Structure formats: structure tokens, C-alpha cells
Amino acid sequence: RSVLPGTDAGTKRKLNGPVVKIRNDVGRVMDELQRDLMQERWDLVESYPPQLRSFVPIFTTYTDSAFPSDAPTDNGLRVALRYEVGRFFAALERLKQATARRALNEAYVAYSDMSVHLDRYMRVGGIYTYYDEKISNEAYFAAVPDSALVYVDPAKELAEVRDLVIMSKGEDKGKTGIVIGIYPDGSKKCVVKFDRFKGMREVKIVPLDWAAKRLGEQDPDDVFLIPRKA
């Protein structure tokens, strides 16, 4: 379902197809791409750019149909959504180039940027299955000693791409996920893809020393449980 507020029933029916395709189909392809990239299956990674480019008309249809009026709010949202789509496909092109060179770290960063811009598109476009009220989790953990959260101290060992992590600071403290990319620009930022919640996986850029490596036996990230097509 779309979470766009104040949308009439007829428009909701019209938007349902693009919403499902963006949220489910594009999301599924991105999960499969993460799996194959992290397993360095370059032969399979090469097949993803054309798959993802085939969704261009779906993004266009949703952007223009969900916010069709000349009102400043709709116009502003169309501009914002088109920007995120443009950045998504620019990052996809960088992924294609990195794949051709078998440049793994560059491919991770390109994939991370794709994930960030897709996440922002879905947030701005009201495609998430739930509202993000931006409530910080830190208050819930105020009385919980950090020792109760089992992780490697980031001051001693920073997480790397593919590491399963728990957020040790910030508004997402206590959330778990996987590091999908680390920026090499000296910003000390990484991209975390959080574990699935209500069918969605949030993606955020966070300080690398907030994403602490989890300790103990862990279930694998759920993309690795997706069966590969024969």
C-alpha cells in the first residue's frame, strides 16, 4: 500500500502498480545485487545495470502521477524525486564501470550510493510501508549500560564492508544491520543497510565508529538466504 496521505481512492489504484514495483521489484533486485556483489560474482553483477534501467519508466510514472499538480509542494516533490532518480542511475553507471575493472571497493561505494538514493526516493515519495517519525532510540538505551550491547569497541576495531553491526550511538542506537560501503574520502562515514522491518530495509549514512561489529554467532544478512535463480 502507499502511505501517501490524503490520496483519493482512484489515484491510489493508479499508483498501486508503480508503488509495488518500486518497493518490491526494485528492492528485490537491489537485494540480489548486494548478495552477488558481496560474493564477488562479477559475471552476475554485470547483468544488473540493464535490469535496473528497465525500471526508469516506473519511476517516471510514479513521480508524475503521485504529485501531478502545479502547486509549489507537488512541483518541489517532483524535483526532489527526479534528483534522487538521477543520482541513483549515476551511481549505477559507476557500478558498471567499477564492475568492468573488478574494482570491489569502488563497486561497494557505488552500490551504497544507489541504495541511499533509492531509500530517499521512497521516503520522499511516501512509498515506505510505515512512517518514520524520527524518534531517537537513544532514550530507550539511556539506562542500559553499553556492556549490555555486545559488540567490538569501534575504538579498537572498526567495522568493514560485509560486517554485521549494531548501532552503538545516535538516534538508531540498538538497531542492527550490515555495512554495505565505506567512503574513502576521509569523512569516516559508512553506509548501513538495517535489518528488515515491516518489509523494508532502511539505508543510512552514519559515522563509521557508530556502527559496531556484532559479537557472537549471528544469522547471515537475509540477502544471502535469497535463492539464486538457476
C-alpha atoms as a PDB file:
ATOM      1  CA  ARG A   1       0.000   0.000   0.000  1.00  0.00           C
ATOM      2  CA  SER A   2       1.065   3.592  -0.491  1.00  0.00           C
ATOM      3  CA  VAL A   3       1.462   5.705   2.626  1.00  0.00           C
ATOM      4  CA  LEU A   4       0.749   8.950   0.764  1.00  0.00           C
ATOM      5  CA  PRO A   5      -1.722  10.851   2.945  1.00  0.00           C
ATOM      6  CA  GLY A   6      -4.836  12.441   1.506  1.00  0.00           C
ATOM      7  CA  THR A   7      -4.800  10.475  -1.747  1.00  0.00           C
ATOM      8  CA  ASP A   8      -8.201   9.657  -3.256  1.00  0.00           C
ATOM      9  CA  ALA A   9      -9.146   6.041  -3.976  1.00  0.00           C
ATOM     10  CA  GLY A  10      -8.868   6.361  -7.756  1.00  0.00           C
ATOM     11  CA  THR A  11      -5.370   7.817  -7.591  1.00  0.00           C
ATOM     12  CA  LYS A  12      -4.329   5.165  -5.071  1.00  0.00           C
ATOM     13  CA  ARG A  13      -5.407   2.438  -7.523  1.00  0.00           C
ATOM     14  CA  LYS A  14      -3.468   4.143 -10.305  1.00  0.00           C
ATOM     15  CA  LEU A  15      -0.359   4.400  -8.152  1.00  0.00           C
ATOM     16  CA  ASN A  16      -0.534   0.888  -6.732  1.00  0.00           C
ATOM     17  CA  GLY A  17       1.328  -0.716  -9.663  1.00  0.00           C
ATOM     18  CA  PRO A  18       4.338   1.645  -9.586  1.00  0.00           C
ATOM     19  CA  VAL A  19       4.453   1.526  -5.765  1.00  0.00           C
ATOM     20  CA  VAL A  20       4.601  -2.280  -5.733  1.00  0.00           C
ATOM     21  CA  LYS A  21       7.230  -2.370  -8.475  1.00  0.00           C
ATOM     22  CA  ILE A  22       9.490   0.198  -6.804  1.00  0.00           C
ATOM     23  CA  ARG A  23       9.099  -1.156  -3.295  1.00  0.00           C
ATOM     24  CA  ASN A  24       9.096  -4.867  -4.084  1.00  0.00           C
ATOM     25  CA  ASP A  25      10.639  -5.428  -7.524  1.00  0.00           C
ATOM     26  CA  VAL A  26      13.401  -2.815  -7.395  1.00  0.00           C
ATOM     27  CA  GLY A  27      14.013  -3.719  -3.751  1.00  0.00           C
ATOM     28  CA  ARG A  28      14.338  -7.399  -4.646  1.00  0.00           C
ATOM     29  CA  VAL A  29      16.796  -6.691  -7.458  1.00  0.00           C
ATOM     30  CA  MET A  30      18.864  -4.496  -5.134  1.00  0.00           C
ATOM     31  CA  ASP A  31      18.956  -7.284  -2.526  1.00  0.00           C
ATOM     32  CA  GLU A  32      20.076  -9.813  -5.138  1.00  0.00           C
ATOM     33  CA  LEU A  33      22.704  -7.371  -6.397  1.00  0.00           C
ATOM     34  CA  GLN A  34      24.037  -6.970  -2.839  1.00  0.00           C
ATOM     35  CA  ARG A  35      24.273 -10.755  -2.493  1.00  0.00           C
ATOM     36  CA  ASP A  36      26.130 -11.230  -5.781  1.00  0.00           C
ATOM     37  CA  LEU A  37      28.436  -8.238  -5.294  1.00  0.00           C
ATOM     38  CA  MET A  38      29.429  -9.313  -1.787  1.00  0.00           C
ATOM     39  CA  GLN A  39      30.129 -12.812  -3.098  1.00  0.00           C
ATOM     40  CA  GLU A  40      32.179 -11.230  -5.928  1.00  0.00           C
ATOM     41  CA  ARG A  41      30.141 -12.921  -8.624  1.00  0.00           C
ATOM     42  CA  TRP A  42      31.197 -10.405 -11.231  1.00  0.00           C
ATOM     43  CA  ASP A  43      29.639 -12.457 -14.014  1.00  0.00           C
ATOM     44  CA  LEU A  44      26.252 -11.961 -12.350  1.00  0.00           C
ATOM     45  CA  VAL A  45      26.812  -8.354 -11.262  1.00  0.00           C
ATOM     46  CA  GLU A  46      27.286  -7.423 -14.924  1.00  0.00           C
ATOM     47  CA  SER A  47      23.647  -8.316 -15.597  1.00  0.00           C
ATOM     48  CA  TYR A  48      22.150  -5.823 -13.132  1.00  0.00           C
ATOM     49  CA  PRO A  49      22.542  -2.436 -14.895  1.00  0.00           C
ATOM     50  CA  PRO A  50      20.126  -3.334 -17.730  1.00  0.00           C
ATOM     51  CA  GLN A  51      17.702  -4.880 -15.219  1.00  0.00           C
ATOM     52  CA  LEU A  52      17.633  -1.707 -13.157  1.00  0.00           C
ATOM     53  CA  ARG A  53      17.495   0.630 -16.150  1.00  0.00           C
ATOM     54  CA  SER A  54      14.308  -1.156 -17.219  1.00  0.00           C
ATOM     55  CA  PHE A  55      12.598   0.461 -14.212  1.00  0.00           C
ATOM     56  CA  VAL A  56      13.096   4.033 -15.485  1.00  0.00           C
ATOM     57  CA  PRO A  57       9.516   4.288 -16.827  1.00  0.00           C
ATOM     58  CA  ILE A  58       8.149   3.104 -13.477  1.00  0.00           C
ATOM     59  CA  PHE A  59       9.974   5.841 -11.580  1.00  0.00           C
ATOM     60  CA  THR A  60       8.786   8.424 -14.133  1.00  0.00           C
ATOM     61  CA  THR A  61       5.180   7.259 -13.931  1.00  0.00           C
ATOM     62  CA  TYR A  62       5.135   7.356 -10.153  1.00  0.00           C
ATOM     63  CA  THR A  63       6.847  10.744  -9.877  1.00  0.00           C
ATOM     64  CA  ASP A  64       4.459  12.404 -12.341  1.00  0.00           C
ATOM     65  CA  SER A  65       1.292  10.636 -11.158  1.00  0.00           C
ATOM     66  CA  ALA A  66       1.763  10.907  -7.395  1.00  0.00           C
ATOM     67  CA  PHE A  67       2.470  14.648  -7.482  1.00  0.00           C
ATOM     68  CA  PRO A  68       0.723  15.882 -10.659  1.00  0.00           C
ATOM     69  CA  SER A  69      -0.400  19.412  -9.792  1.00  0.00           C
ATOM     70  CA  ASP A  70       1.262  22.769 -10.403  1.00  0.00           C
ATOM     71  CA  ALA A  71       1.160  23.534  -6.675  1.00  0.00           C
ATOM     72  CA  PRO A  72       4.568  24.504  -5.259  1.00  0.00           C
ATOM     73  CA  THR A  73       4.542  21.451  -2.952  1.00  0.00           C
ATOM     74  CA  ASP A  74       3.952  18.977  -5.796  1.00  0.00           C
ATOM     75  CA  ASN A  75       6.448  20.740  -8.033  1.00  0.00           C
ATOM     76  CA  GLY A  76       9.056  20.656  -5.270  1.00  0.00           C
ATOM     77  CA  LEU A  77       8.470  16.963  -4.649  1.00  0.00           C
ATOM     78  CA  ARG A  78       8.786  16.132  -8.357  1.00  0.00           C
ATOM     79  CA  VAL A  79      12.109  17.984  -8.465  1.00  0.00           C
ATOM     80  CA  ALA A  80      13.335  16.161  -5.360  1.00  0.00           C
ATOM     81  CA  LEU A  81      12.285  12.741  -6.681  1.00  0.00           C
ATOM     82  CA  ARG A  82      13.829  13.336 -10.103  1.00  0.00           C
ATOM     83  CA  TYR A  83      17.061  14.345  -8.368  1.00  0.00           C
ATOM     84  CA  GLU A  84      17.168  11.093  -6.388  1.00  0.00           C
ATOM     85  CA  VAL A  85      16.432   9.032  -9.506  1.00  0.00           C
ATOM     86  CA  GLY A  86      19.177  10.861 -11.377  1.00  0.00           C
ATOM     87  CA  ARG A  87      21.680  10.188  -8.602  1.00  0.00           C
ATOM     88  CA  PHE A  88      20.578   6.544  -8.417  1.00  0.00           C
ATOM     89  CA  PHE A  89      21.279   5.955 -12.093  1.00  0.00           C
ATOM     90  CA  ALA A  90      24.530   7.951 -11.981  1.00  0.00           C
ATOM     91  CA  ALA A  91      25.683   5.608  -9.208  1.00  0.00           C
ATOM     92  CA  LEU A  92      24.518   2.628 -11.290  1.00  0.00           C
ATOM     93  CA  GLU A  93      26.799   3.802 -14.103  1.00  0.00           C
ATOM     94  CA  ARG A  94      29.699   3.996 -11.622  1.00  0.00           C
ATOM     95  CA  LEU A  95      28.866   0.456 -10.510  1.00  0.00           C
ATOM     96  CA  LYS A  96      29.005  -0.688 -14.143  1.00  0.00           C
ATOM     97  CA  GLN A  97      32.419   0.929 -14.624  1.00  0.00           C
ATOM     98  CA  ALA A  98      33.771  -0.484 -11.350  1.00  0.00           C
ATOM     99  CA  THR A  99      32.498  -3.930 -12.315  1.00  0.00           C
ATOM    100  CA  ALA A 100      34.323  -3.769 -15.634  1.00  0.00           C
ATOM    101  CA  ARG A 101      37.559  -3.063 -13.716  1.00  0.00           C
ATOM    102  CA  ARG A 102      36.710  -5.581 -10.965  1.00  0.00           C
ATOM    103  CA  ALA A 103      37.261  -2.704  -8.506  1.00  0.00           C
ATOM    104  CA  LEU A 104      35.483  -4.115  -5.467  1.00  0.00           C
ATOM    105  CA  ASN A 105      35.672  -1.145  -3.074  1.00  0.00           C
ATOM    106  CA  GLU A 106      34.535   1.263  -5.792  1.00  0.00           C
ATOM    107  CA  ALA A 107      31.673  -1.086  -6.583  1.00  0.00           C
ATOM    108  CA  TYR A 108      30.671  -1.181  -2.904  1.00  0.00           C
ATOM    109  CA  VAL A 109      30.574   2.638  -2.749  1.00  0.00           C
ATOM    110  CA  ALA A 110      28.568   2.856  -5.981  1.00  0.00           C
ATOM    111  CA  TYR A 111      26.098   0.244  -4.714  1.00  0.00           C
ATOM    112  CA  SER A 112      25.850   2.110  -1.399  1.00  0.00           C
ATOM    113  CA  ASP A 113      25.051   5.369  -3.166  1.00  0.00           C
ATOM    114  CA  MET A 114      22.391   3.605  -5.228  1.00  0.00           C
ATOM    115  CA  SER A 115      20.875   2.265  -2.012  1.00  0.00           C
ATOM    116  CA  VAL A 116      20.935   5.670  -0.300  1.00  0.00           C
ATOM    117  CA  HIS A 117      19.216   7.436  -3.210  1.00  0.00           C
ATOM    118  CA  LEU A 118      16.604   4.703  -3.611  1.00  0.00           C
ATOM    119  CA  ASP A 119      15.855   4.929   0.118  1.00  0.00           C
ATOM    120  CA  ARG A 120      15.492   8.713  -0.123  1.00  0.00           C
ATOM    121  CA  TYR A 121      13.221   8.378  -3.162  1.00  0.00           C
ATOM    122  CA  MET A 122      10.928   6.025  -1.274  1.00  0.00           C
ATOM    123  CA  ARG A 123      10.880   8.267   1.802  1.00  0.00           C
ATOM    124  CA  VAL A 124      10.159  11.486  -0.094  1.00  0.00           C
ATOM    125  CA  GLY A 125       7.661   9.707  -2.346  1.00  0.00           C
ATOM    126  CA  GLY A 126       5.699   8.134   0.510  1.00  0.00           C
ATOM    127  CA  ILE A 127       6.455   4.577  -0.606  1.00  0.00           C
ATOM    128  CA  TYR A 128       7.643   3.293   2.763  1.00  0.00           C
ATOM    129  CA  THR A 129       5.232   0.859   4.454  1.00  0.00           C
ATOM    130  CA  TYR A 130       5.378   2.952   7.633  1.00  0.00           C
ATOM    131  CA  TYR A 131       6.059   6.487   8.726  1.00  0.00           C
ATOM    132  CA  ASP A 132       9.469   7.332  10.125  1.00  0.00           C
ATOM    133  CA  GLU A 133       8.716   9.673  12.995  1.00  0.00           C
ATOM    134  CA  LYS A 134      12.430  10.335  13.562  1.00  0.00           C
ATOM    135  CA  ILE A 135      12.181   9.290  17.201  1.00  0.00           C
ATOM    136  CA  SER A 136      15.629   8.700  18.625  1.00  0.00           C
ATOM    137  CA  ASN A 137      16.292   5.302  20.171  1.00  0.00           C
ATOM    138  CA  GLU A 138      18.945   6.755  22.485  1.00  0.00           C
ATOM    139  CA  ALA A 139      16.412   7.488  25.239  1.00  0.00           C
ATOM    140  CA  TYR A 140      15.425   3.810  25.369  1.00  0.00           C
ATOM    141  CA  PHE A 141      19.029   2.829  25.980  1.00  0.00           C
ATOM    142  CA  ALA A 142      19.865   5.609  28.435  1.00  0.00           C
ATOM    143  CA  ALA A 143      19.638   3.230  31.409  1.00  0.00           C
ATOM    144  CA  VAL A 144      21.212   0.308  29.570  1.00  0.00           C
ATOM    145  CA  PRO A 145      24.970   0.015  30.047  1.00  0.00           C
ATOM    146  CA  ASP A 146      26.911  -0.220  26.820  1.00  0.00           C
ATOM    147  CA  SER A 147      28.281  -3.522  28.102  1.00  0.00           C
ATOM    148  CA  ALA A 148      24.793  -4.992  27.607  1.00  0.00           C
ATOM    149  CA  LEU A 149      25.077  -4.328  23.878  1.00  0.00           C
ATOM    150  CA  VAL A 150      27.510  -6.985  22.702  1.00  0.00           C
ATOM    151  CA  TYR A 151      29.874  -5.562  20.128  1.00  0.00           C
ATOM    152  CA  VAL A 152      33.517  -4.865  19.365  1.00  0.00           C
ATOM    153  CA  ASP A 153      34.616  -1.468  20.649  1.00  0.00           C
ATOM    154  CA  PRO A 154      34.962   0.678  17.478  1.00  0.00           C
ATOM    155  CA  ALA A 155      37.876   2.475  19.124  1.00  0.00           C
ATOM    156  CA  LYS A 156      39.776  -0.808  18.915  1.00  0.00           C
ATOM    157  CA  GLU A 157      38.465  -2.219  15.642  1.00  0.00           C
ATOM    158  CA  LEU A 158      36.294  -0.536  13.039  1.00  0.00           C
ATOM    159  CA  ALA A 159      33.688  -2.415  11.034  1.00  0.00           C
ATOM    160  CA  GLU A 160      34.361  -3.282   7.409  1.00  0.00           C
ATOM    161  CA  VAL A 161      32.096  -3.889   4.445  1.00  0.00           C
ATOM    162  CA  ARG A 162      30.034  -7.073   4.944  1.00  0.00           C
ATOM    163  CA  ASP A 163      30.330  -6.884   8.739  1.00  0.00           C
ATOM    164  CA  LEU A 164      27.106  -7.310  10.706  1.00  0.00           C
ATOM    165  CA  VAL A 165      26.809  -4.323  13.026  1.00  0.00           C
ATOM    166  CA  ILE A 166      24.768  -2.775  15.813  1.00  0.00           C
ATOM    167  CA  MET A 167      24.425   0.969  16.142  1.00  0.00           C
ATOM    168  CA  SER A 168      26.212   1.972  19.346  1.00  0.00           C
ATOM    169  CA  LYS A 169      25.326   5.684  19.211  1.00  0.00           C
ATOM    170  CA  GLY A 170      22.860   8.081  17.643  1.00  0.00           C
ATOM    171  CA  GLU A 171      19.119   8.037  17.020  1.00  0.00           C
ATOM    172  CA  ASP A 172      19.325   4.475  15.673  1.00  0.00           C
ATOM    173  CA  LYS A 173      21.152   3.090  18.722  1.00  0.00           C
ATOM    174  CA  GLY A 174      20.376  -0.609  19.144  1.00  0.00           C
ATOM    175  CA  LYS A 175      19.385  -1.189  15.517  1.00  0.00           C
ATOM    176  CA  THR A 176      21.200  -3.938  13.648  1.00  0.00           C
ATOM    177  CA  GLY A 177      22.249  -4.209  10.030  1.00  0.00           C
ATOM    178  CA  ILE A 178      25.154  -4.713   7.652  1.00  0.00           C
ATOM    179  CA  VAL A 179      27.826  -2.325   6.365  1.00  0.00           C
ATOM    180  CA  ILE A 180      27.417  -2.106   2.581  1.00  0.00           C
ATOM    181  CA  GLY A 181      30.000   0.573   1.861  1.00  0.00           C
ATOM    182  CA  ILE A 182      32.691   2.773   3.415  1.00  0.00           C
ATOM    183  CA  TYR A 183      33.505   6.152   1.890  1.00  0.00           C
ATOM    184  CA  PRO A 184      37.207   6.582   1.056  1.00  0.00           C
ATOM    185  CA  ASP A 185      37.057  10.396   1.165  1.00  0.00           C
ATOM    186  CA  GLY A 186      38.274  10.806   4.721  1.00  0.00           C
ATOM    187  CA  SER A 187      34.778  11.559   6.052  1.00  0.00           C
ATOM    188  CA  LYS A 188      34.892   8.425   8.239  1.00  0.00           C
ATOM    189  CA  LYS A 189      31.338   7.644   7.151  1.00  0.00           C
ATOM    190  CA  CYS A 190      29.834   4.340   6.114  1.00  0.00           C
ATOM    191  CA  VAL A 191      26.508   3.135   4.762  1.00  0.00           C
ATOM    192  CA  VAL A 192      24.453   0.712   6.838  1.00  0.00           C
ATOM    193  CA  LYS A 193      21.544  -1.303   5.473  1.00  0.00           C
ATOM    194  CA  PHE A 194      19.401  -2.037   8.505  1.00  0.00           C
ATOM    195  CA  ASP A 195      17.693  -5.364   9.108  1.00  0.00           C
ATOM    196  CA  ARG A 196      14.222  -5.765   7.631  1.00  0.00           C
ATOM    197  CA  PHE A 197      11.304  -4.112   9.440  1.00  0.00           C
ATOM    198  CA  LYS A 198       7.747  -4.272   8.090  1.00  0.00           C
ATOM    199  CA  GLY A 199       9.145  -5.465   4.786  1.00  0.00           C
ATOM    200  CA  MET A 200      11.552  -2.535   4.405  1.00  0.00           C
ATOM    201  CA  ARG A 201      15.288  -2.142   4.905  1.00  0.00           C
ATOM    202  CA  GLU A 202      16.317   1.400   5.770  1.00  0.00           C
ATOM    203  CA  VAL A 203      19.632   2.648   4.435  1.00  0.00           C
ATOM    204  CA  LYS A 204      21.566   5.411   6.164  1.00  0.00           C
ATOM    205  CA  ILE A 205      24.935   7.130   6.031  1.00  0.00           C
ATOM    206  CA  VAL A 206      26.390   7.072   9.552  1.00  0.00           C
ATOM    207  CA  PRO A 207      29.740   7.708  11.268  1.00  0.00           C
ATOM    208  CA  LEU A 208      31.838   4.579  10.921  1.00  0.00           C
ATOM    209  CA  ASP A 209      32.576   4.497  14.653  1.00  0.00           C
ATOM    210  CA  TRP A 210      28.840   4.328  15.426  1.00  0.00           C
ATOM    211  CA  ALA A 211      28.453   1.057  13.514  1.00  0.00           C
ATOM    212  CA  ALA A 212      29.964  -1.506  15.881  1.00  0.00           C
ATOM    213  CA  LYS A 213      30.747  -5.068  14.821  1.00  0.00           C
ATOM    214  CA  ARG A 214      28.427  -7.561  16.468  1.00  0.00           C
ATOM    215  CA  LEU A 215      29.929 -10.369  18.532  1.00  0.00           C
ATOM    216  CA  GLY A 216      28.860 -13.975  18.835  1.00  0.00           C
ATOM    217  CA  GLU A 217      27.083 -16.270  16.406  1.00  0.00           C
ATOM    218  CA  GLN A 218      24.834 -14.311  14.048  1.00  0.00           C
ATOM    219  CA  ASP A 219      22.338 -15.224  11.382  1.00  0.00           C
ATOM    220  CA  PRO A 220      23.608 -14.102   7.969  1.00  0.00           C
ATOM    221  CA  ASP A 221      22.223 -10.975   6.349  1.00  0.00           C
ATOM    222  CA  ASP A 222      18.953 -12.024   4.746  1.00  0.00           C
ATOM    223  CA  VAL A 223      20.116 -11.314   1.179  1.00  0.00           C
ATOM    224  CA  PHE A 224      22.328 -14.389   1.447  1.00  0.00           C
ATOM    225  CA  LEU A 225      19.223 -16.509   2.052  1.00  0.00           C
ATOM    226  CA  ILE A 226      17.699 -15.484  -1.295  1.00  0.00           C
ATOM    227  CA  PRO A 227      17.933 -18.500  -3.626  1.00  0.00           C
ATOM    228  CA  ARG A 228      19.866 -17.817  -6.795  1.00  0.00           C
ATOM    229  CA  LYS A 229      17.904 -18.408  -9.968  1.00  0.00           C
ATOM    230  CA  ALA A 230      19.042 -21.439 -11.927  1.00  0.00           C
END
